[in-house]
Amino acid sequence: NIFLAGIDTGAITMIWAMTELVKNPKLMKKVQSEIRNCLGDNKERITEEDVDKVPFLKMVIKETFRLHPAAPLILPRETMAHIKVQGYDIPPKRRILVNAWAIGRDPKLWTNPEEFDPERFVDSPVDYRGQHYELLPFGSGRRICPGMPMGIATVELGLLNLLYFFDWRFPDGMTERDIDMEEAGTLTIVKKVALKLVPNIFIAGIDTGAITMIWAMTELARNPELMKKLQGQIRERLGNNKERITEEDIGKVHYLNLVIKETFRLHPPVPLLLPRETMAHIKVQGYDIPPQRRILINTWAISRDPKLWTDPEVFNPERFVDSPVDYRGQHFELLAFGSGRRMCPGMAMGIVTVELGLLNLLYFFDWKLPDGMTQRDIDIEEAGALTVVKKVPLKLVPVRVH
């Protein structure tokens, strides 16, 4: 939930932009495609340099400022002398309120002003920096909003992060027609009814947490004795009457941690760590590597190296019993999240996602194969390049237990 510290106009603009995009899924798809095509699939962090690479996002922001200016009335001005504006005589020392909201929806200035149409700004010189009086979200002249640069950067970077790293869908049972567009507020125009969306983490089109859970369930289904052992420990430790699994439950089931470690070893969701570049000449295992060379680390191959692992092709969680080896970057034979300062910043969230997901699946349900299918029929062929997904979908039948 975006927190508005009283009245944060940047957050208000982002909420309206996301509201209009989810109401117009074609526009959402277009802006996300532009962002991901221009920035690539391997960004760890969005920077200000990325903003200029996505012109359609800037049009989306312009159109949001036009249709939903966070401050509908520009800060009051006072006439210094007698003036005449469009036939109106205005004496000196009169307070003037400029209605940016009304100007942004004036049909004399805009075609179809009530429609959210970012493409109206294609090849248009109109901008929101105070030079074009039909679009004045920050005002104009010497008393233009002094926080304009920060406000624009906040919105641009905020939306870039939301649209690059996440896909967005409605809660179950909700459609575009259910979005309430009613406005509230006076000094600022906020959305009266909160926008509710469900984020799906986007990493090259794949959710690595889901990949890991699928591989874990695949290996457990192929090894029913391991499934039985793990479920036995989970249900023994958590009891029979739990209505909801919590993070406090994770530490009670040690064997689950071993299963997840072994899944990360045998099926790392990202087989090649994000590229590194040498800063100086180095020598690694007899190889001379000059500076400014790109290095790719094949964590998939490391995890199956028979020099490091006994029976590396066998799924055996118990290999980690009494073993200090972990996936948090200190042991280089298991690098599911990388290591060092540039290891995956989402590691903590990723691990909890997998732990809680598997705990729920294994506590509340028993799992069986479809009729006529045996463990030998489970296909474990891999697919993908940036991520290693299961090529053939896993088919299991859930049986509710609790």
Protein backbone atom coordinates (compact mmCIF):
# COMPACT_ATOMS: atom_id res chain seq x y z
CA ASN A 1 0.00 0.00 0.00
CA ILE A 2 1.54 3.30 -1.02
CA PHE A 3 1.80 5.48 2.09
CA LEU A 4 0.80 9.11 1.74
CA ALA A 5 2.50 11.04 4.53
CA GLY A 6 -0.46 13.34 4.88
CA ILE A 7 -0.61 14.42 1.24
CA ASP A 8 2.06 12.99 -1.06
CA THR A 9 1.25 14.27 -4.53
CA GLY A 10 3.78 11.94 -6.16
CA ALA A 11 2.04 8.89 -4.71
CA ILE A 12 -1.36 10.29 -5.70
CA THR A 13 -0.19 10.59 -9.31
CA MET A 14 1.19 7.03 -9.32
CA ILE A 15 -2.09 5.67 -7.97
CA TRP A 16 -4.09 7.47 -10.68
CA ALA A 17 -1.65 6.30 -13.38
CA MET A 18 -1.94 2.68 -12.23
CA THR A 19 -5.72 3.06 -12.04
CA GLU A 20 -5.94 4.26 -15.64
CA LEU A 21 -3.55 1.56 -16.87
CA VAL A 22 -5.46 -1.30 -15.28
CA LYS A 23 -8.67 0.16 -16.70
CA ASN A 24 -6.98 0.10 -20.11
CA PRO A 25 -5.08 -3.23 -20.31
CA LYS A 26 -3.90 -2.52 -23.87
CA LEU A 27 -2.09 0.58 -22.62
CA MET A 28 -0.69 -1.37 -19.66
CA LYS A 29 0.65 -4.02 -22.03
CA LYS A 30 2.12 -1.39 -24.37
CA VAL A 31 3.97 0.55 -21.68
CA GLN A 32 5.27 -2.61 -19.97
CA SER A 33 6.46 -4.01 -23.30
CA GLU A 34 8.33 -0.78 -24.05
CA ILE A 35 9.92 -0.75 -20.60
CA ARG A 36 11.03 -4.39 -20.68
CA ASN A 37 12.21 -4.29 -24.28
CA CYS A 38 14.27 -1.16 -23.65
CA LEU A 39 15.69 -2.15 -20.26
CA GLY A 40 16.17 -5.87 -20.90
CA ASP A 41 15.34 -8.76 -18.58
CA ASN A 42 18.25 -8.63 -16.15
CA LYS A 43 17.97 -5.28 -14.36
CA GLU A 44 18.58 -5.48 -10.63
CA ARG A 45 17.83 -1.82 -10.04
CA ILE A 46 16.10 0.98 -11.92
CA THR A 47 18.13 4.20 -12.24
CA GLU A 48 17.40 7.71 -13.46
CA GLU A 49 19.31 6.92 -16.66
CA ASP A 50 16.57 4.43 -17.55
CA VAL A 51 13.83 7.07 -17.57
CA ASP A 52 14.80 8.58 -20.93
CA LYS A 53 14.68 5.17 -22.62
CA VAL A 54 10.90 4.85 -22.27
CA PRO A 55 9.08 7.71 -24.05
CA PHE A 56 5.64 6.09 -23.83
CA LEU A 57 5.88 6.07 -20.04
CA LYS A 58 6.41 9.84 -20.18
CA MET A 59 3.25 10.18 -22.26
CA VAL A 60 1.36 8.12 -19.68
CA ILE A 61 2.59 10.46 -16.95
CA LYS A 62 1.66 13.57 -18.97
CA GLU A 63 -1.83 12.22 -19.53
CA THR A 64 -2.17 11.40 -15.83
CA PHE A 65 -1.14 14.95 -14.91
CA ARG A 66 -3.73 16.25 -17.39
CA LEU A 67 -6.67 14.12 -16.30
CA HIS A 68 -5.80 13.81 -12.61
CA PRO A 69 -3.69 16.77 -11.45
CA ALA A 70 -2.83 16.07 -7.83
CA ALA A 71 -3.46 19.71 -6.91
CA PRO A 72 -6.57 20.86 -8.81
CA LEU A 73 -6.19 24.49 -7.80
CA ILE A 74 -2.79 26.09 -8.29
CA LEU A 75 -1.59 28.04 -5.26
CA PRO A 76 -3.38 31.43 -5.13
CA ARG A 77 -1.94 34.44 -6.94
CA GLU A 78 -2.66 38.13 -6.24
CA THR A 79 -3.00 40.81 -8.88
CA MET A 80 -0.41 43.59 -8.53
CA ALA A 81 -2.28 46.01 -10.82
CA HIS A 82 -5.56 46.41 -12.66
CA ILE A 83 -5.76 43.81 -15.45
CA LYS A 84 -8.26 42.65 -18.04
CA VAL A 85 -8.53 38.90 -18.84
CA GLN A 86 -10.95 37.66 -21.53
CA GLY A 87 -13.23 40.65 -20.99
CA TYR A 88 -13.12 40.50 -17.19
CA ASP A 89 -11.85 43.54 -15.26
CA ILE A 90 -9.80 42.47 -12.23
CA PRO A 91 -8.76 45.18 -9.75
CA PRO A 92 -5.37 45.09 -7.99
CA LYS A 93 -4.85 43.00 -4.84
CA ARG A 94 -7.44 40.42 -5.82
CA ARG A 95 -6.77 36.74 -5.14
CA ILE A 96 -6.77 34.57 -8.28
CA LEU A 97 -7.33 30.79 -8.25
CA VAL A 98 -6.31 28.90 -11.39
CA ASN A 99 -8.27 25.66 -11.86
CA ALA A 100 -5.75 23.27 -13.43
CA TRP A 101 -8.27 20.41 -13.18
CA ALA A 102 -10.84 22.25 -15.32
CA ILE A 103 -8.21 23.39 -17.84
CA GLY A 104 -7.02 19.79 -18.23
CA ARG A 105 -10.55 18.71 -19.19
CA ASP A 106 -11.57 21.69 -21.33
CA PRO A 107 -13.02 20.40 -24.65
CA LYS A 108 -11.87 23.63 -26.33
CA LEU A 109 -8.28 22.59 -25.60
CA TRP A 110 -8.41 18.80 -25.72
CA THR A 111 -10.06 16.25 -28.02
CA ASN A 112 -12.14 13.75 -26.03
CA PRO A 113 -10.90 15.25 -22.77
CA GLU A 114 -12.51 12.62 -20.52
CA GLU A 115 -10.63 9.77 -22.21
CA PHE A 116 -7.24 8.57 -20.96
CA ASP A 117 -5.20 8.69 -24.16
CA PRO A 118 -1.41 9.05 -23.72
CA GLU A 119 -0.93 9.00 -27.49
CA ARG A 120 -2.43 12.49 -27.75
CA PHE A 121 1.09 13.65 -26.82
CA VAL A 122 2.82 11.89 -29.73
CA ASP A 123 4.65 14.63 -31.69
CA SER A 124 3.07 17.23 -29.39
CA PRO A 125 5.26 19.95 -27.85
CA VAL A 126 2.90 20.30 -24.87
CA ASP A 127 4.69 19.66 -21.58
CA TYR A 128 3.95 20.13 -17.88
CA ARG A 129 6.88 22.42 -17.05
CA GLY A 130 4.93 25.66 -17.19
CA GLN A 131 5.39 26.72 -20.81
CA HIS A 132 2.05 25.41 -22.06
CA TYR A 133 -0.93 26.79 -20.19
CA GLU A 134 -3.27 23.96 -21.15
CA LEU A 135 -1.28 21.64 -18.86
CA LEU A 136 -0.35 23.18 -15.51
CA PRO A 137 0.03 20.50 -12.81
CA PHE A 138 2.96 22.44 -11.30
CA GLY A 139 1.89 25.97 -12.16
CA SER A 140 4.02 28.36 -14.21
CA GLY A 141 6.39 31.29 -14.02
CA ARG A 142 8.63 32.33 -11.14
CA ARG A 143 6.30 30.75 -8.60
CA ILE A 144 6.07 27.36 -10.30
CA CYS A 145 6.22 24.48 -7.81
CA PRO A 146 9.85 24.37 -6.57
CA GLY A 147 9.56 20.61 -5.99
CA MET A 148 8.71 19.88 -9.63
CA PRO A 149 11.98 18.07 -10.54
CA MET A 150 11.76 15.85 -7.47
CA GLY A 151 8.05 15.23 -8.00
CA ILE A 152 8.54 14.19 -11.62
CA ALA A 153 11.49 11.92 -10.77
CA THR A 154 9.49 10.32 -7.97
CA VAL A 155 6.64 9.46 -10.31
CA GLU A 156 8.88 8.30 -13.17
CA LEU A 157 11.07 6.04 -11.03
CA GLY A 158 8.13 4.79 -8.98
CA LEU A 159 6.12 3.76 -12.02
CA LEU A 160 9.18 2.30 -13.74
CA ASN A 161 9.76 0.01 -10.76
CA LEU A 162 6.10 -0.99 -10.49
CA LEU A 163 5.79 -1.74 -14.21
CA TYR A 164 9.18 -3.39 -14.77
CA PHE A 165 9.35 -5.75 -11.81
CA PHE A 166 5.66 -6.64 -11.50
CA ASP A 167 2.71 -7.70 -13.57
CA TRP A 168 -0.62 -6.63 -12.12
CA ARG A 169 -4.01 -8.30 -11.94
CA PHE A 170 -7.31 -7.72 -10.19
CA PRO A 171 -8.37 -9.57 -7.05
CA ASP A 172 -10.51 -12.61 -7.79
CA GLY A 173 -13.97 -11.72 -9.03
CA MET A 174 -13.08 -8.15 -10.01
CA THR A 175 -12.96 -6.66 -13.55
CA GLU A 176 -12.09 -3.32 -15.13
CA ARG A 177 -15.73 -2.24 -14.77
CA ASP A 178 -15.50 -2.54 -10.99
CA ILE A 179 -12.85 0.17 -10.67
CA ASP A 180 -14.32 3.21 -8.98
CA MET A 181 -13.02 6.49 -10.45
CA GLU A 182 -14.66 8.79 -7.92
CA GLU A 183 -12.42 11.56 -6.65
CA ALA A 184 -12.13 12.93 -3.14
CA GLY A 185 -10.34 15.82 -1.52
CA THR A 186 -10.10 19.56 -2.07
CA LEU A 187 -6.48 20.70 -1.84
CA THR A 188 -5.49 17.44 -3.49
CA ILE A 189 -7.58 15.06 -5.59
CA VAL A 190 -7.07 11.57 -4.25
CA LYS A 191 -8.87 8.42 -5.30
CA LYS A 192 -11.90 8.07 -3.02
CA VAL A 193 -12.01 4.26 -3.20
CA ALA A 194 -8.64 2.58 -2.74
CA LEU A 195 -7.14 0.84 -5.77
CA LYS A 196 -6.76 -2.89 -5.13
CA LEU A 197 -4.34 -4.83 -7.32
CA VAL A 198 -2.41 -8.07 -6.91
CA PRO A 199 1.26 -7.92 -8.00
CA ASN A 200 2.97 -10.83 -9.73
CA ILE A 201 6.74 -10.56 -9.62
CA PHE A 202 8.15 -10.36 -13.14
CA ILE A 203 11.63 -11.73 -13.80
CA ALA A 204 12.10 -12.37 -17.50
CA GLY A 205 8.45 -13.34 -17.58
CA ILE A 206 8.92 -15.98 -14.87
CA ASP A 207 8.27 -16.06 -11.14
CA THR A 208 11.33 -17.78 -9.70
CA GLY A 209 9.57 -18.57 -6.42
CA ALA A 210 6.88 -20.48 -8.30
CA ILE A 211 9.53 -22.28 -10.36
CA THR A 212 11.23 -23.52 -7.19
CA MET A 213 7.94 -24.70 -5.66
CA ILE A 214 7.05 -26.58 -8.85
CA TRP A 215 10.42 -28.34 -8.91
CA ALA A 216 10.18 -29.18 -5.20
CA MET A 217 6.71 -30.69 -5.66
CA THR A 218 7.96 -32.55 -8.74
CA GLU A 219 10.83 -34.15 -6.84
CA LEU A 220 8.61 -34.99 -3.86
CA ALA A 221 6.02 -36.59 -6.15
CA ARG A 222 8.81 -38.65 -7.75
CA ASN A 223 10.02 -39.69 -4.30
CA PRO A 224 6.89 -40.52 -2.26
CA GLU A 225 8.92 -41.64 0.75
CA LEU A 226 10.40 -38.13 0.98
CA MET A 227 6.94 -36.58 0.56
CA LYS A 228 5.63 -38.77 3.39
CA LYS A 229 8.57 -37.92 5.66
CA LEU A 230 8.24 -34.18 5.09
CA GLN A 231 4.46 -34.11 5.51
CA GLY A 232 4.77 -36.25 8.63
CA GLN A 233 7.15 -33.74 10.21
CA ILE A 234 5.05 -30.73 9.18
CA ARG A 235 1.80 -32.13 10.58
CA GLU A 236 3.43 -33.47 13.73
CA ARG A 237 5.07 -30.12 14.53
CA LEU A 238 2.14 -27.89 13.58
CA GLY A 239 -0.70 -30.04 14.90
CA ASN A 240 -4.03 -30.81 13.26
CA ASN A 241 -6.00 -27.65 13.95
CA LYS A 242 -4.16 -24.83 12.20
CA GLU A 243 -6.32 -22.53 10.14
CA ARG A 244 -3.44 -20.50 8.75
CA ILE A 245 0.30 -21.00 8.24
CA THR A 246 2.52 -18.19 9.52
CA GLU A 247 6.21 -17.34 9.29
CA GLU A 248 6.63 -18.55 12.89
CA ASP A 249 5.83 -22.08 11.67
CA ILE A 250 8.77 -22.21 9.26
CA GLY A 251 11.42 -22.75 11.94
CA LYS A 252 9.52 -25.76 13.31
CA VAL A 253 10.05 -27.97 10.24
CA HIS A 254 13.77 -28.48 9.74
CA TYR A 255 13.35 -31.09 7.02
CA LEU A 256 11.52 -28.59 4.81
CA ASN A 257 14.65 -26.43 4.83
CA LEU A 258 16.68 -29.43 3.62
CA VAL A 259 14.19 -30.07 0.79
CA ILE A 260 14.36 -26.44 -0.32
CA LYS A 261 18.18 -26.45 -0.23
CA GLU A 262 18.25 -29.57 -2.38
CA THR A 263 15.75 -28.05 -4.81
CA PHE A 264 17.88 -24.91 -5.14
CA ARG A 265 20.90 -27.17 -5.77
CA LEU A 266 19.39 -29.45 -8.40
CA HIS A 267 17.04 -26.91 -9.99
CA PRO A 268 18.36 -23.36 -9.52
CA PRO A 269 15.69 -21.14 -11.12
CA VAL A 270 18.35 -18.87 -12.65
CA PRO A 271 21.11 -21.11 -14.08
CA LEU A 272 23.44 -18.24 -14.98
CA LEU A 273 24.02 -15.57 -12.37
CA LEU A 274 23.78 -11.98 -13.54
CA PRO A 275 26.94 -11.03 -15.44
CA ARG A 276 29.93 -9.60 -13.61
CA GLU A 277 32.78 -7.56 -15.08
CA THR A 278 36.41 -7.80 -14.05
CA MET A 279 37.80 -4.55 -12.67
CA ALA A 280 41.44 -5.62 -12.98
CA HIS A 281 43.57 -8.40 -14.42
CA ILE A 282 42.95 -11.61 -12.48
CA LYS A 283 43.97 -15.26 -12.64
CA VAL A 284 41.43 -17.97 -11.85
CA GLN A 285 42.42 -21.65 -11.87
CA GLY A 286 45.18 -20.99 -14.36
CA TYR A 287 43.10 -18.76 -16.63
CA ASP A 288 44.24 -15.18 -17.27
CA ILE A 289 41.28 -12.81 -17.41
CA PRO A 290 41.94 -9.21 -18.56
CA PRO A 291 40.08 -6.26 -17.04
CA GLN A 292 36.64 -5.24 -18.32
CA ARG A 293 35.69 -8.77 -19.34
CA ARG A 294 32.16 -10.05 -18.74
CA ILE A 295 32.01 -13.13 -16.52
CA LEU A 296 29.08 -15.57 -16.45
CA ILE A 297 28.86 -18.00 -13.52
CA ASN A 298 27.02 -21.25 -14.29
CA THR A 299 25.42 -22.08 -10.96
CA TRP A 300 23.47 -24.94 -12.57
CA ALA A 301 26.72 -26.70 -13.54
CA ILE A 302 28.37 -26.00 -10.18
CA SER A 303 25.42 -27.60 -8.37
CA ARG A 304 25.80 -30.81 -10.39
CA ASP A 305 29.59 -31.03 -10.27
CA PRO A 306 30.58 -34.55 -9.08
CA LYS A 307 33.77 -33.05 -7.60
CA LEU A 308 31.59 -31.09 -5.17
CA TRP A 309 28.58 -33.36 -4.65
CA THR A 310 28.10 -37.10 -4.10
CA ASP A 311 25.57 -38.53 -6.57
CA PRO A 312 24.79 -35.03 -7.87
CA GLU A 313 21.88 -36.13 -10.10
CA VAL A 314 20.01 -37.71 -7.17
CA PHE A 315 17.48 -35.64 -5.21
CA ASN A 316 18.65 -36.23 -1.65
CA PRO A 317 17.74 -33.57 0.94
CA GLU A 318 19.54 -35.52 3.66
CA ARG A 319 22.89 -34.61 2.13
CA PHE A 320 22.47 -31.34 4.06
CA VAL A 321 22.02 -32.99 7.48
CA ASP A 322 24.82 -31.63 9.70
CA SER A 323 26.18 -29.73 6.68
CA PRO A 324 27.02 -26.03 7.01
CA VAL A 325 26.39 -25.44 3.28
CA ASP A 326 23.67 -22.86 2.70
CA TYR A 327 22.33 -20.80 -0.21
CA ARG A 328 22.99 -17.36 1.30
CA GLY A 329 26.21 -16.68 -0.59
CA GLN A 330 28.86 -17.98 1.83
CA HIS A 331 29.31 -21.40 0.19
CA PHE A 332 30.26 -21.23 -3.46
CA GLU A 333 29.08 -24.74 -4.28
CA LEU A 334 25.48 -23.55 -3.80
CA LEU A 335 24.81 -20.14 -5.35
CA ALA A 336 21.09 -19.98 -6.03
CA PHE A 337 21.08 -16.25 -5.24
CA GLY A 338 24.66 -15.34 -6.07
CA SER A 339 27.10 -13.96 -3.53
CA GLY A 340 28.71 -10.76 -2.32
CA ARG A 341 27.43 -7.21 -2.56
CA ARG A 342 25.53 -7.91 -5.76
CA MET A 343 23.74 -11.04 -4.69
CA CYS A 344 20.00 -11.12 -5.34
CA PRO A 345 18.39 -8.34 -3.25
CA GLY A 346 15.12 -10.27 -3.19
CA MET A 347 16.63 -13.37 -1.57
CA ALA A 348 14.87 -12.99 1.78
CA MET A 349 11.48 -12.50 0.14
CA GLY A 350 12.13 -15.33 -2.32
CA ILE A 351 13.00 -17.82 0.40
CA VAL A 352 9.97 -16.94 2.53
CA THR A 353 7.72 -17.20 -0.55
CA VAL A 354 8.93 -20.74 -1.20
CA GLU A 355 8.83 -21.80 2.46
CA LEU A 356 5.30 -20.53 3.08
CA GLY A 357 4.04 -21.78 -0.28
CA LEU A 358 5.31 -25.33 0.27
CA LEU A 359 4.17 -25.35 3.90
CA ASN A 360 0.62 -24.55 2.82
CA LEU A 361 0.62 -27.09 0.00
CA LEU A 362 1.98 -29.89 2.18
CA TYR A 363 0.06 -29.17 5.39
CA PHE A 364 -3.44 -28.69 4.01
CA PHE A 365 -3.31 -31.22 1.15
CA ASP A 366 -2.21 -34.71 0.29
CA TRP A 367 -1.14 -35.12 -3.31
CA LYS A 368 -1.61 -38.00 -5.71
CA LEU A 369 -0.88 -38.62 -9.36
CA PRO A 370 -3.72 -38.64 -11.90
CA ASP A 371 -5.29 -42.05 -12.57
CA GLY A 372 -3.08 -44.29 -14.64
CA MET A 373 0.09 -42.31 -13.96
CA THR A 374 3.11 -43.48 -11.93
CA GLN A 375 6.25 -41.81 -10.61
CA ARG A 376 8.12 -43.01 -13.71
CA ASP A 377 5.76 -41.01 -15.92
CA ILE A 378 6.77 -37.67 -14.38
CA ASP A 379 8.80 -35.77 -16.95
CA ILE A 380 11.66 -33.73 -15.52
CA GLU A 381 12.89 -32.19 -18.76
CA GLU A 382 13.90 -28.56 -18.38
CA ALA A 383 13.10 -25.62 -20.62
CA GLY A 384 14.09 -21.99 -20.74
CA ALA A 385 17.35 -20.11 -20.85
CA LEU A 386 17.38 -17.19 -18.42
CA THR A 387 15.29 -19.34 -16.09
CA VAL A 388 15.04 -23.13 -15.87
CA VAL A 389 11.36 -24.01 -15.87
CA LYS A 390 9.76 -27.42 -16.11
CA LYS A 391 9.11 -28.10 -19.78
CA VAL A 392 6.10 -30.38 -19.20
CA PRO A 393 3.60 -29.09 -16.61
CA LEU A 394 3.37 -31.02 -13.36
CA LYS A 395 -0.03 -32.65 -12.88
CA LEU A 396 -1.03 -33.60 -9.34
CA VAL A 397 -4.42 -34.11 -7.71
CA PRO A 398 -4.90 -32.37 -4.34
CA VAL A 399 -6.80 -34.09 -1.54
CA ARG A 400 -7.86 -31.74 1.26
CA VAL A 401 -6.69 -32.94 4.68
CA HIS A 402 -7.22 -30.03 7.10
